[in-house]
Amino acid sequence: MNISRQSVSKWESTNSIPDLNRIIILAEISDVSTDFLLKDDVETFDSLSEGTESGIIQISLEQSLKYIENKIAVAGLVTKG
C-alpha cells in the first residue's frame, strides 16, 4: 500500500485519516466495516470476558499494513509468473 510510518502515526493520533481507497482495503483485510474504522467512538470490550471467540488475535495497524504489503508483493510475483 506504500504507506509511510509518518502517515500511520498521523492516523493513530487523529491528525489525518487515510484516503477512501485505503479505508476500504483496510476494512476488507481486517474483516470489519468501513463504519467501524471511521467511527470516533470505539466500542471497548473485556478480552477476558466469557463469550470471546478463541483463536482471535489483535494486531496493530502497523502489523496490518505490513501484512498488506507482503500480500501485494506476493500477488505481483504470482502475476509475473
Protein backbone atom coordinates (compact mmCIF):
# COMPACT_ATOMS: atom_id res chain seq x y z
CA MET A 1 0.00 0.00 0.00
CA ASN A 2 3.08 2.24 0.11
CA ILE A 3 2.23 3.86 3.43
CA SER A 4 4.86 5.64 5.48
CA ARG A 5 5.27 5.32 9.22
CA GLN A 6 4.53 9.03 9.46
CA SER A 7 1.13 8.52 7.79
CA VAL A 8 0.25 5.72 10.17
CA SER A 9 1.33 7.89 13.10
CA LYS A 10 -0.94 10.71 11.89
CA TRP A 11 -3.87 8.28 11.55
CA GLU A 12 -3.29 6.94 15.06
CA SER A 13 -3.07 10.43 16.55
CA THR A 14 -6.17 11.53 14.57
CA ASN A 15 -4.22 14.29 12.82
CA SER A 16 -5.40 12.86 9.49
CA ILE A 17 -7.33 9.93 8.05
CA PRO A 18 -6.42 7.59 5.19
CA ASP A 19 -7.99 8.15 1.79
CA LEU A 20 -11.18 6.27 0.94
CA ASN A 21 -9.47 3.55 -1.12
CA ARG A 22 -7.13 2.69 1.75
CA ILE A 23 -10.01 2.65 4.22
CA ILE A 24 -11.87 0.18 2.02
CA ILE A 25 -8.81 -2.06 1.66
CA LEU A 26 -8.09 -1.95 5.40
CA ALA A 27 -11.73 -2.81 6.17
CA GLU A 28 -11.66 -5.80 3.80
CA ILE A 29 -8.38 -7.12 5.16
CA SER A 30 -9.43 -6.58 8.77
CA ASP A 31 -12.87 -8.06 8.07
CA VAL A 32 -14.65 -5.05 9.57
CA SER A 33 -16.95 -2.42 8.13
CA THR A 34 -15.70 0.95 7.00
CA ASP A 35 -18.00 2.44 9.65
CA PHE A 36 -16.02 0.59 12.31
CA LEU A 37 -12.79 2.15 11.05
CA LEU A 38 -14.23 5.65 10.73
CA LYS A 39 -16.24 5.98 13.95
CA ASP A 40 -14.84 8.28 16.60
CA ASP A 41 -16.20 6.21 19.45
CA VAL A 42 -14.63 2.78 19.71
CA GLU A 43 -16.54 0.07 21.47
CA THR A 44 -14.42 -1.42 24.20
CA PHE A 45 -14.69 -4.94 25.46
CA ASP A 46 -13.11 -7.07 28.10
CA SER A 47 -10.83 -9.51 26.33
CA LEU A 48 -11.10 -11.91 29.25
CA SER A 49 -14.89 -11.98 29.34
CA GLU A 50 -16.80 -15.14 28.55
CA GLY A 51 -18.19 -15.44 25.06
CA THR A 52 -14.99 -14.24 23.44
CA GLU A 53 -14.12 -16.31 20.41
CA SER A 54 -10.97 -18.31 20.87
CA GLY A 55 -8.30 -18.01 18.22
CA ILE A 56 -8.79 -14.27 17.67
CA ILE A 57 -5.58 -12.27 17.68
CA GLN A 58 -5.50 -8.49 17.92
CA ILE A 59 -2.86 -6.78 15.79
CA SER A 60 -1.73 -3.21 15.39
CA LEU A 61 -2.37 -1.07 12.34
CA GLU A 62 1.33 -1.24 11.53
CA GLN A 63 1.24 -5.07 11.57
CA SER A 64 -1.82 -4.99 9.36
CA LEU A 65 -0.11 -2.69 6.87
CA LYS A 66 2.96 -4.93 6.75
CA TYR A 67 0.68 -7.90 6.04
CA ILE A 68 -0.95 -5.98 3.18
CA GLU A 69 2.43 -5.03 1.72
CA ASN A 70 3.52 -8.68 1.78
CA LYS A 71 0.28 -9.80 0.10
CA ILE A 72 0.74 -7.21 -2.65
CA ALA A 73 4.35 -8.29 -3.19
CA VAL A 74 3.34 -11.95 -3.45
CA ALA A 75 0.49 -11.10 -5.82
CA GLY A 76 2.99 -9.27 -8.03
CA LEU A 77 5.25 -12.32 -8.13
CA VAL A 78 2.36 -14.63 -8.98
CA THR A 79 1.12 -12.44 -11.82
CA LYS A 80 4.62 -12.17 -13.30
CA GLY A 81 4.85 -15.95 -13.34
